């Protein structure tokens, strides 16, 4: 077995430093290029979503990335958008009974499109931070004895219900 050792001296220290600087410069150029490419793609995505679903972008907390994710989820499965419950199941926000004995509880469905579920979660968090109506809703549900997890589940279901009407008109106009 051969062992290699690198002995650093002042002569090759400059070469190592030059190689490190070159590597950092190359990485910085790549980051700059990829960042500009991301900005270009975001502009295209925003324009496409604004053309397809301007009402969806008009909802509070819905950005172009979340709107695109929801459009993709609905577009992949237009036959499944038969009602609000089916739409909620598609996004994985339909309630699932988790009761035992005298305790009546529900939890979120672990199935469905996880990206759509994450988009609804981002919308819910945005509304929780800044929307006065949502904050009042959370305050009211908290005084009723709901946990934060239950409130978030209800809020995501409400947002899914709100978005369903818009998506249904876009994805499958024949469905009523």
N, C-alpha and C. Protein backbone atom coordinates (compact mmCIF):
# COMPACT_ATOMS: atom_id res chain seq x y z
N UNK A 1 0.85 -1.16 0.00
CA UNK A 1 0.00 0.00 0.00
C UNK A 1 0.90 1.23 0.00
N UNK A 2 0.59 2.17 -0.88
CA UNK A 2 1.38 3.39 -0.96
C UNK A 2 0.73 4.49 -0.14
N UNK A 3 1.52 5.24 0.51
CA UNK A 3 1.06 6.39 1.26
C UNK A 3 1.62 7.64 0.63
N UNK A 4 0.75 8.57 0.44
CA UNK A 4 1.18 9.84 -0.11
C UNK A 4 1.11 10.89 0.98
N UNK A 5 2.05 11.72 1.01
CA UNK A 5 2.02 12.82 1.96
C UNK A 5 2.27 14.11 1.21
N UNK A 6 1.64 15.12 1.67
CA UNK A 6 1.78 16.43 1.07
C UNK A 6 2.56 17.29 2.04
N UNK A 7 3.69 17.67 1.62
CA UNK A 7 4.52 18.53 2.45
C UNK A 7 4.38 19.94 1.93
N UNK A 8 3.86 20.80 2.77
CA UNK A 8 3.67 22.17 2.36
C UNK A 8 4.91 22.98 2.69
N UNK A 9 5.37 23.65 1.71
CA UNK A 9 6.46 24.58 1.93
C UNK A 9 6.00 25.94 1.44
N UNK A 10 6.80 26.90 1.62
CA UNK A 10 6.41 28.24 1.17
C UNK A 10 6.32 28.32 -0.35
N UNK A 11 7.02 27.42 -1.06
CA UNK A 11 6.97 27.44 -2.51
C UNK A 11 5.62 26.97 -3.04
N UNK A 12 5.13 25.83 -2.53
CA UNK A 12 3.86 25.33 -3.05
C UNK A 12 2.66 25.88 -2.29
N UNK A 13 2.86 26.65 -1.21
CA UNK A 13 1.77 27.29 -0.51
C UNK A 13 1.10 28.33 -1.41
N UNK A 14 1.87 29.03 -2.19
CA UNK A 14 1.31 29.99 -3.14
C UNK A 14 0.48 29.29 -4.20
N UNK A 15 0.92 28.14 -4.66
CA UNK A 15 0.17 27.38 -5.66
C UNK A 15 -1.15 26.88 -5.09
N UNK A 16 -1.15 26.42 -3.84
CA UNK A 16 -2.37 25.95 -3.19
C UNK A 16 -3.34 27.11 -3.00
N UNK A 17 -2.82 28.24 -2.57
CA UNK A 17 -3.67 29.41 -2.38
C UNK A 17 -4.25 29.90 -3.71
N UNK A 18 -3.44 29.86 -4.77
CA UNK A 18 -3.91 30.26 -6.09
C UNK A 18 -5.01 29.31 -6.57
N UNK A 19 -4.84 28.01 -6.32
CA UNK A 19 -5.86 27.04 -6.72
C UNK A 19 -7.15 27.25 -5.93
N UNK A 20 -7.01 27.54 -4.64
CA UNK A 20 -8.20 27.82 -3.83
C UNK A 20 -8.92 29.07 -4.29
N UNK A 21 -8.16 30.12 -4.61
CA UNK A 21 -8.78 31.35 -5.11
C UNK A 21 -9.49 31.11 -6.44
N UNK A 22 -8.87 30.33 -7.31
CA UNK A 22 -9.48 30.02 -8.61
C UNK A 22 -10.78 29.24 -8.41
N UNK A 23 -10.78 28.29 -7.49
CA UNK A 23 -11.97 27.50 -7.21
C UNK A 23 -13.10 28.38 -6.67
N UNK A 24 -12.76 29.27 -5.74
CA UNK A 24 -13.77 30.18 -5.20
C UNK A 24 -14.32 31.12 -6.27
N UNK A 25 -13.47 31.60 -7.15
CA UNK A 25 -13.91 32.48 -8.23
C UNK A 25 -14.86 31.73 -9.17
N UNK A 26 -14.51 30.49 -9.50
CA UNK A 26 -15.36 29.68 -10.38
C UNK A 26 -16.73 29.42 -9.73
N UNK A 27 -16.73 29.12 -8.44
CA UNK A 27 -18.00 28.89 -7.74
C UNK A 27 -18.84 30.16 -7.67
N UNK A 28 -18.21 31.30 -7.45
CA UNK A 28 -18.95 32.57 -7.41
C UNK A 28 -19.58 32.87 -8.76
N UNK A 29 -18.85 32.63 -9.85
CA UNK A 29 -19.40 32.84 -11.18
C UNK A 29 -20.59 31.91 -11.44
N UNK A 30 -20.46 30.68 -11.00
CA UNK A 30 -21.56 29.71 -11.18
C UNK A 30 -22.80 30.13 -10.38
N UNK A 31 -22.59 30.58 -9.15
CA UNK A 31 -23.71 31.04 -8.31
C UNK A 31 -24.38 32.24 -8.96
N UNK A 32 -23.59 33.18 -9.47
CA UNK A 32 -24.15 34.36 -10.13
C UNK A 32 -24.97 33.95 -11.35
N UNK A 33 -24.43 33.02 -12.14
CA UNK A 33 -25.15 32.55 -13.34
C UNK A 33 -26.45 31.84 -12.96
N UNK A 34 -26.39 30.95 -11.99
CA UNK A 34 -27.59 30.21 -11.57
C UNK A 34 -28.63 31.15 -10.96
N UNK A 35 -28.19 32.16 -10.20
CA UNK A 35 -29.13 33.12 -9.62
C UNK A 35 -29.85 33.90 -10.71
N UNK A 36 -29.14 34.31 -11.75
CA UNK A 36 -29.81 35.03 -12.83
C UNK A 36 -30.76 34.11 -13.59
N UNK A 37 -30.39 32.84 -13.73
CA UNK A 37 -31.28 31.88 -14.38
C UNK A 37 -32.55 31.66 -13.55
N UNK A 38 -32.41 31.61 -12.24
CA UNK A 38 -33.57 31.46 -11.35
C UNK A 38 -34.49 32.66 -11.50
N UNK A 39 -33.93 33.88 -11.54
CA UNK A 39 -34.75 35.08 -11.70
C UNK A 39 -35.51 35.05 -13.02
N UNK A 40 -34.87 34.61 -14.09
CA UNK A 40 -35.54 34.52 -15.40
C UNK A 40 -36.69 33.52 -15.35
N UNK A 41 -36.44 32.36 -14.75
CA UNK A 41 -37.49 31.34 -14.67
C UNK A 41 -38.64 31.79 -13.78
N UNK A 42 -38.34 32.52 -12.70
CA UNK A 42 -39.41 33.03 -11.84
C UNK A 42 -40.27 34.05 -12.59
N UNK A 43 -39.67 34.86 -13.43
CA UNK A 43 -40.44 35.81 -14.24
C UNK A 43 -41.37 35.07 -15.19
N UNK A 44 -40.85 34.02 -15.84
CA UNK A 44 -41.68 33.23 -16.75
C UNK A 44 -42.82 32.55 -16.01
N UNK A 45 -42.51 31.98 -14.85
CA UNK A 45 -43.51 31.30 -14.04
C UNK A 45 -44.59 32.27 -13.57
N UNK A 46 -44.17 33.43 -13.11
CA UNK A 46 -45.13 34.44 -12.65
C UNK A 46 -46.04 34.87 -13.79
N UNK A 47 -45.48 35.08 -14.97
CA UNK A 47 -46.29 35.49 -16.12
C UNK A 47 -47.28 34.39 -16.51
N UNK A 48 -46.83 33.14 -16.50
CA UNK A 48 -47.70 32.02 -16.88
C UNK A 48 -48.84 31.86 -15.87
N UNK A 49 -48.53 31.97 -14.58
CA UNK A 49 -49.56 31.83 -13.55
C UNK A 49 -50.53 33.01 -13.60
N UNK A 50 -50.00 34.21 -13.81
CA UNK A 50 -50.87 35.40 -13.88
C UNK A 50 -51.81 35.32 -15.07
N UNK A 51 -51.35 34.72 -16.16
CA UNK A 51 -52.21 34.56 -17.34
C UNK A 51 -53.26 33.48 -17.12
N UNK A 52 -52.87 32.40 -16.46
CA UNK A 52 -53.76 31.26 -16.26
C UNK A 52 -54.76 31.49 -15.13
N UNK A 53 -54.27 32.01 -14.00
CA UNK A 53 -55.12 32.11 -12.81
C UNK A 53 -54.91 33.43 -12.08
N UNK A 54 -55.34 34.54 -12.66
CA UNK A 54 -55.16 35.82 -11.97
C UNK A 54 -55.95 35.91 -10.67
N UNK A 55 -57.12 35.26 -10.61
CA UNK A 55 -57.91 35.27 -9.37
C UNK A 55 -57.20 34.54 -8.25
N UNK A 56 -56.47 33.49 -8.61
CA UNK A 56 -55.74 32.72 -7.60
C UNK A 56 -54.63 33.58 -6.99
N UNK A 57 -53.95 34.33 -7.82
CA UNK A 57 -52.90 35.22 -7.32
C UNK A 57 -53.47 36.37 -6.51
N UNK A 58 -54.74 36.67 -6.71
CA UNK A 58 -55.38 37.74 -5.97
C UNK A 58 -55.72 37.37 -4.54
N UNK A 59 -55.72 36.09 -4.21
CA UNK A 59 -56.02 35.67 -2.84
C UNK A 59 -54.88 36.04 -1.91
N UNK A 60 -55.24 36.38 -0.69
CA UNK A 60 -54.24 36.79 0.29
C UNK A 60 -53.30 35.62 0.62
N UNK A 61 -52.01 35.87 0.52
CA UNK A 61 -51.01 34.87 0.88
C UNK A 61 -50.62 33.92 -0.23
N UNK A 62 -51.25 34.01 -1.39
CA UNK A 62 -50.94 33.10 -2.49
C UNK A 62 -49.93 33.78 -3.41
N UNK A 63 -48.73 33.22 -3.45
CA UNK A 63 -47.69 33.70 -4.34
C UNK A 63 -47.65 32.89 -5.61
N UNK A 64 -46.78 33.30 -6.51
CA UNK A 64 -46.71 32.60 -7.79
C UNK A 64 -46.24 31.16 -7.64
N UNK A 65 -45.36 30.88 -6.68
CA UNK A 65 -44.88 29.51 -6.50
C UNK A 65 -45.96 28.59 -5.94
N UNK A 66 -46.71 29.07 -4.96
CA UNK A 66 -47.80 28.27 -4.40
C UNK A 66 -48.92 28.09 -5.42
N UNK A 67 -49.23 29.14 -6.15
CA UNK A 67 -50.28 29.05 -7.18
C UNK A 67 -49.88 28.05 -8.25
N UNK A 68 -48.63 28.08 -8.68
CA UNK A 68 -48.17 27.14 -9.70
C UNK A 68 -48.25 25.70 -9.19
N UNK A 69 -47.88 25.49 -7.95
CA UNK A 69 -47.95 24.15 -7.37
C UNK A 69 -49.38 23.64 -7.33
N UNK A 70 -50.31 24.51 -6.92
CA UNK A 70 -51.71 24.10 -6.86
C UNK A 70 -52.29 23.87 -8.25
N UNK A 71 -51.90 24.68 -9.21
CA UNK A 71 -52.36 24.47 -10.59
C UNK A 71 -51.83 23.15 -11.15
N UNK A 72 -50.59 22.83 -10.85
CA UNK A 72 -50.02 21.58 -11.33
C UNK A 72 -50.73 20.39 -10.69
N UNK A 73 -50.99 20.48 -9.39
CA UNK A 73 -51.69 19.38 -8.71
C UNK A 73 -53.08 19.17 -9.29
N UNK A 74 -53.78 20.25 -9.54
CA UNK A 74 -55.13 20.14 -10.10
C UNK A 74 -55.09 19.72 -11.56
N UNK A 75 -54.11 20.19 -12.30
CA UNK A 75 -53.99 19.88 -13.72
C UNK A 75 -53.61 18.44 -13.97
N UNK A 76 -52.85 17.86 -13.04
CA UNK A 76 -52.48 16.46 -13.18
C UNK A 76 -53.67 15.54 -12.98
N UNK A 77 -54.66 15.97 -12.24
CA UNK A 77 -55.80 15.13 -11.88
C UNK A 77 -57.12 15.86 -12.07
N UNK A 78 -57.44 16.35 -13.27
CA UNK A 78 -58.69 17.11 -13.42
C UNK A 78 -59.94 16.27 -13.17
N UNK A 79 -59.86 14.97 -13.37
CA UNK A 79 -61.02 14.11 -13.15
C UNK A 79 -61.35 13.97 -11.67
N UNK A 80 -60.35 14.17 -10.81
CA UNK A 80 -60.56 14.00 -9.38
C UNK A 80 -61.18 15.21 -8.73
N UNK A 81 -61.28 16.34 -9.43
CA UNK A 81 -61.86 17.55 -8.86
C UNK A 81 -63.38 17.55 -9.01
N UNK A 82 -64.02 16.59 -8.37
CA UNK A 82 -65.48 16.47 -8.47
C UNK A 82 -66.19 17.29 -7.41
N UNK A 83 -65.50 17.67 -6.37
CA UNK A 83 -66.10 18.46 -5.29
C UNK A 83 -65.04 18.95 -4.34
N UNK A 84 -65.50 19.71 -3.34
CA UNK A 84 -64.55 20.26 -2.37
C UNK A 84 -63.84 19.16 -1.59
N UNK A 85 -64.55 18.11 -1.24
CA UNK A 85 -63.95 17.02 -0.48
C UNK A 85 -62.88 16.31 -1.30
N UNK A 86 -63.15 16.10 -2.57
CA UNK A 86 -62.16 15.45 -3.44
C UNK A 86 -60.94 16.34 -3.63
N UNK A 87 -61.16 17.63 -3.73
CA UNK A 87 -60.05 18.57 -3.85
C UNK A 87 -59.20 18.57 -2.58
N UNK A 88 -59.87 18.54 -1.44
CA UNK A 88 -59.14 18.50 -0.17
C UNK A 88 -58.34 17.20 -0.04
N UNK A 89 -58.93 16.08 -0.48
CA UNK A 89 -58.21 14.81 -0.45
C UNK A 89 -57.02 14.83 -1.40
N UNK A 90 -57.17 15.47 -2.54
CA UNK A 90 -56.08 15.59 -3.50
C UNK A 90 -54.90 16.33 -2.88
N UNK A 91 -55.19 17.35 -2.08
CA UNK A 91 -54.14 18.14 -1.42
C UNK A 91 -53.73 17.55 -0.08
N UNK A 92 -54.42 16.54 0.38
CA UNK A 92 -54.08 15.90 1.65
C UNK A 92 -54.50 16.72 2.86
N UNK A 93 -55.58 17.50 2.74
CA UNK A 93 -56.05 18.29 3.87
C UNK A 93 -57.45 17.90 4.32
N UNK A 94 -57.93 16.76 3.85
CA UNK A 94 -59.23 16.30 4.32
C UNK A 94 -59.08 15.70 5.71
N UNK A 95 -60.06 15.89 6.58
CA UNK A 95 -59.93 15.35 7.93
C UNK A 95 -60.10 13.84 7.95
N UNK A 96 -59.35 13.20 8.81
CA UNK A 96 -59.43 11.76 9.02
C UNK A 96 -59.74 11.56 10.49
N UNK A 97 -60.75 10.75 10.76
CA UNK A 97 -61.14 10.50 12.15
C UNK A 97 -60.00 9.83 12.90
N UNK A 98 -59.76 10.32 14.11
CA UNK A 98 -58.73 9.78 14.97
C UNK A 98 -59.31 9.65 16.38
N UNK A 99 -60.50 9.18 16.44
CA UNK A 99 -61.20 9.12 17.71
C UNK A 99 -60.91 7.81 18.43
N UNK A 100 -60.96 7.90 19.75
CA UNK A 100 -60.84 6.69 20.55
C UNK A 100 -61.66 6.90 21.82
N UNK A 101 -62.56 5.99 22.06
CA UNK A 101 -63.40 6.10 23.25
C UNK A 101 -64.27 7.34 23.22
N UNK A 102 -64.13 8.18 24.24
CA UNK A 102 -64.95 9.39 24.34
C UNK A 102 -64.32 10.58 23.62
N UNK A 103 -63.09 10.45 23.19
CA UNK A 103 -62.38 11.57 22.55
C UNK A 103 -62.71 11.59 21.06
N UNK A 104 -63.20 12.72 20.60
CA UNK A 104 -63.51 12.91 19.19
C UNK A 104 -62.45 13.84 18.60
N UNK A 105 -61.60 13.31 17.73
CA UNK A 105 -60.55 14.11 17.11
C UNK A 105 -60.44 13.80 15.63
N UNK A 106 -59.81 14.73 14.93
CA UNK A 106 -59.52 14.52 13.52
C UNK A 106 -58.07 14.92 13.29
N UNK A 107 -57.49 14.36 12.26
CA UNK A 107 -56.13 14.73 11.89
C UNK A 107 -56.09 14.91 10.39
N UNK A 108 -54.98 15.47 9.91
CA UNK A 108 -54.82 15.63 8.47
C UNK A 108 -54.54 14.30 7.81
N UNK A 109 -54.95 14.19 6.59
CA UNK A 109 -54.66 13.02 5.80
C UNK A 109 -53.18 13.04 5.43
N UNK A 110 -52.51 11.94 5.58
CA UNK A 110 -51.09 11.87 5.24
C UNK A 110 -50.87 11.62 3.75
N UNK A 111 -51.95 11.33 3.04
CA UNK A 111 -51.84 11.08 1.61
C UNK A 111 -51.99 12.35 0.81
N UNK A 112 -52.27 12.20 -0.44
CA UNK A 112 -52.47 13.36 -1.30
C UNK A 112 -51.16 13.90 -1.85
N UNK A 113 -51.28 14.96 -2.58
CA UNK A 113 -50.13 15.60 -3.19
C UNK A 113 -49.40 16.41 -2.12
N UNK A 114 -48.20 16.00 -1.79
CA UNK A 114 -47.46 16.64 -0.70
C UNK A 114 -47.02 18.05 -1.05
N UNK A 115 -46.74 18.30 -2.34
CA UNK A 115 -46.36 19.65 -2.74
C UNK A 115 -47.54 20.61 -2.60
N UNK A 116 -48.73 20.15 -2.97
CA UNK A 116 -49.92 20.98 -2.81
C UNK A 116 -50.20 21.23 -1.34
N UNK A 117 -50.00 20.22 -0.51
CA UNK A 117 -50.18 20.38 0.92
C UNK A 117 -49.19 21.40 1.47
N UNK A 118 -47.96 21.35 1.01
CA UNK A 118 -46.95 22.31 1.46
C UNK A 118 -47.30 23.72 1.00
N UNK A 119 -47.87 23.84 -0.20
CA UNK A 119 -48.29 25.16 -0.70
C UNK A 119 -49.40 25.72 0.19
N UNK A 120 -50.36 24.89 0.57
CA UNK A 120 -51.42 25.34 1.46
C UNK A 120 -50.86 25.73 2.83
N UNK A 121 -49.87 25.01 3.28
CA UNK A 121 -49.22 25.31 4.56
C UNK A 121 -48.54 26.68 4.50
N UNK A 122 -47.84 26.97 3.38
CA UNK A 122 -47.18 28.28 3.23
C UNK A 122 -48.22 29.40 3.20
N UNK A 123 -49.32 29.17 2.51
CA UNK A 123 -50.39 30.18 2.46
C UNK A 123 -50.95 30.40 3.86
N UNK A 124 -51.18 29.32 4.59
CA UNK A 124 -51.72 29.42 5.95
C UNK A 124 -50.76 30.19 6.86
N UNK A 125 -49.48 29.90 6.76
CA UNK A 125 -48.50 30.62 7.59
C UNK A 125 -48.46 32.10 7.26
N UNK A 126 -48.54 32.42 5.98
CA UNK A 126 -48.56 33.83 5.58
C UNK A 126 -49.77 34.53 6.15
N UNK A 127 -50.90 33.87 6.09
CA UNK A 127 -52.13 34.47 6.63
C UNK A 127 -52.07 34.57 8.15
N UNK A 128 -51.49 33.58 8.79
CA UNK A 128 -51.36 33.63 10.25
C UNK A 128 -50.50 34.80 10.70
N UNK A 129 -49.48 35.11 9.92
CA UNK A 129 -48.58 36.20 10.28
C UNK A 129 -49.21 37.58 10.08
N UNK A 130 -49.99 37.76 9.02
CA UNK A 130 -50.33 39.13 8.65
C UNK A 130 -51.81 39.40 8.41
N UNK A 131 -52.64 38.40 8.23
CA UNK A 131 -54.04 38.64 7.90
C UNK A 131 -54.87 38.81 9.18
N UNK A 132 -55.51 39.95 9.37
CA UNK A 132 -56.28 40.16 10.60
C UNK A 132 -57.46 39.20 10.75
N UNK A 133 -58.10 38.83 9.63
CA UNK A 133 -59.23 37.89 9.72
C UNK A 133 -58.75 36.53 10.22
N UNK A 134 -57.60 36.09 9.72
CA UNK A 134 -57.07 34.79 10.14
C UNK A 134 -56.65 34.83 11.60
N UNK A 135 -56.05 35.93 12.01
CA UNK A 135 -55.64 36.06 13.42
C UNK A 135 -56.87 36.03 14.33
N UNK A 136 -57.95 36.69 13.91
CA UNK A 136 -59.18 36.66 14.70
C UNK A 136 -59.75 35.25 14.75
N UNK A 137 -59.69 34.54 13.64
CA UNK A 137 -60.17 33.15 13.59
C UNK A 137 -59.37 32.28 14.56
N UNK A 138 -58.05 32.43 14.53
CA UNK A 138 -57.19 31.64 15.43
C UNK A 138 -57.50 31.97 16.88
N UNK A 139 -57.68 33.24 17.18
CA UNK A 139 -58.01 33.64 18.56
C UNK A 139 -59.33 33.03 18.99
N UNK A 140 -60.33 33.06 18.12
CA UNK A 140 -61.64 32.50 18.45
C UNK A 140 -61.55 31.00 18.67
N UNK A 141 -60.83 30.30 17.78
CA UNK A 141 -60.72 28.84 17.91
C UNK A 141 -59.89 28.45 19.14
N UNK A 142 -58.92 29.28 19.50
CA UNK A 142 -58.12 29.00 20.69
C UNK A 142 -58.97 29.11 21.94
N UNK A 143 -59.85 30.11 21.99
CA UNK A 143 -60.73 30.24 23.16
C UNK A 143 -61.74 29.10 23.23
N UNK A 144 -62.02 28.47 22.10
CA UNK A 144 -62.91 27.31 22.08
C UNK A 144 -62.20 26.05 22.57
N UNK A 145 -60.90 26.13 22.78
CA UNK A 145 -60.16 24.99 23.30
C UNK A 145 -59.44 24.17 22.24
N UNK A 146 -59.35 24.66 21.03
CA UNK A 146 -58.65 23.93 19.97
C UNK A 146 -57.14 24.08 20.14
N UNK A 147 -56.42 23.05 19.71
CA UNK A 147 -54.96 23.13 19.73
C UNK A 147 -54.49 23.83 18.46
N UNK A 148 -53.24 24.27 18.47
CA UNK A 148 -52.69 24.94 17.29
C UNK A 148 -52.69 24.02 16.08
N UNK A 149 -52.43 22.76 16.31
CA UNK A 149 -52.42 21.79 15.22
C UNK A 149 -53.82 21.63 14.61
N UNK A 150 -54.84 21.58 15.45
CA UNK A 150 -56.22 21.48 14.96
C UNK A 150 -56.63 22.75 14.21
N UNK A 151 -56.21 23.89 14.73
CA UNK A 151 -56.54 25.16 14.08
C UNK A 151 -55.88 25.22 12.71
N UNK A 152 -54.64 24.81 12.61
CA UNK A 152 -53.94 24.82 11.33
C UNK A 152 -54.61 23.87 10.34
N UNK A 153 -55.05 22.71 10.82
CA UNK A 153 -55.76 21.76 9.96
C UNK A 153 -57.03 22.40 9.41
N UNK A 154 -57.80 23.04 10.27
CA UNK A 154 -59.04 23.70 9.84
C UNK A 154 -58.74 24.84 8.87
N UNK A 155 -57.69 25.58 9.14
CA UNK A 155 -57.33 26.71 8.29
C UNK A 155 -56.90 26.23 6.90
N UNK A 156 -56.12 25.16 6.86
CA UNK A 156 -55.71 24.62 5.55
C UNK A 156 -56.92 24.10 4.78
N UNK A 157 -57.86 23.49 5.47
CA UNK A 157 -59.07 23.01 4.80
C UNK A 157 -59.89 24.17 4.27
N UNK A 158 -59.97 25.26 5.05
CA UNK A 158 -60.69 26.44 4.60
C UNK A 158 -60.04 27.03 3.35
N UNK A 159 -58.71 27.12 3.36
CA UNK A 159 -57.98 27.66 2.20
C UNK A 159 -58.18 26.77 0.99
N UNK A 160 -58.14 25.45 1.19
CA UNK A 160 -58.37 24.51 0.08
C UNK A 160 -59.77 24.69 -0.49
N UNK A 161 -60.75 24.92 0.36
CA UNK A 161 -62.12 25.14 -0.08
C UNK A 161 -62.22 26.44 -0.90
N UNK A 162 -61.52 27.46 -0.43
CA UNK A 162 -61.52 28.74 -1.12
C UNK A 162 -60.86 28.64 -2.50
N UNK A 163 -59.78 27.90 -2.57
CA UNK A 163 -59.03 27.75 -3.81
C UNK A 163 -59.73 26.81 -4.78
N UNK A 164 -60.49 25.85 -4.26
CA UNK A 164 -61.15 24.88 -5.11
C UNK A 164 -62.05 25.53 -6.15
N UNK A 165 -62.82 26.52 -5.73
CA UNK A 165 -63.73 27.18 -6.67
C UNK A 165 -62.98 27.81 -7.83
N UNK A 166 -61.84 28.38 -7.55
CA UNK A 166 -61.04 29.00 -8.61
C UNK A 166 -60.40 27.95 -9.49
N UNK A 167 -59.83 26.92 -8.88
CA UNK A 167 -59.17 25.87 -9.67
C UNK A 167 -60.15 25.10 -10.53
N UNK A 168 -61.32 24.84 -10.00
CA UNK A 168 -62.31 24.07 -10.76
C UNK A 168 -62.68 24.80 -12.05
N UNK A 169 -62.83 26.11 -11.98
CA UNK A 169 -63.18 26.89 -13.15
C UNK A 169 -62.04 26.91 -14.17
N UNK A 170 -60.81 26.84 -13.70
CA UNK A 170 -59.65 26.89 -14.60
C UNK A 170 -59.36 25.53 -15.23
N UNK A 171 -59.29 24.50 -14.38
CA UNK A 171 -58.84 23.20 -14.84
C UNK A 171 -59.89 22.45 -15.62
N UNK A 172 -61.10 22.41 -15.09
CA UNK A 172 -62.16 21.66 -15.79
C UNK A 172 -63.44 22.48 -15.78
N UNK A 173 -63.60 23.38 -16.75
CA UNK A 173 -64.77 24.24 -16.78
C UNK A 173 -66.08 23.48 -16.94
N UNK A 174 -66.05 22.23 -17.41
CA UNK A 174 -67.29 21.47 -17.61
C UNK A 174 -67.86 20.97 -16.31
N UNK A 175 -67.03 20.83 -15.26
CA UNK A 175 -67.49 20.33 -13.97
C UNK A 175 -68.23 21.46 -13.24
N UNK A 176 -69.42 21.14 -12.72
CA UNK A 176 -70.19 22.16 -12.00
C UNK A 176 -70.48 21.73 -10.59
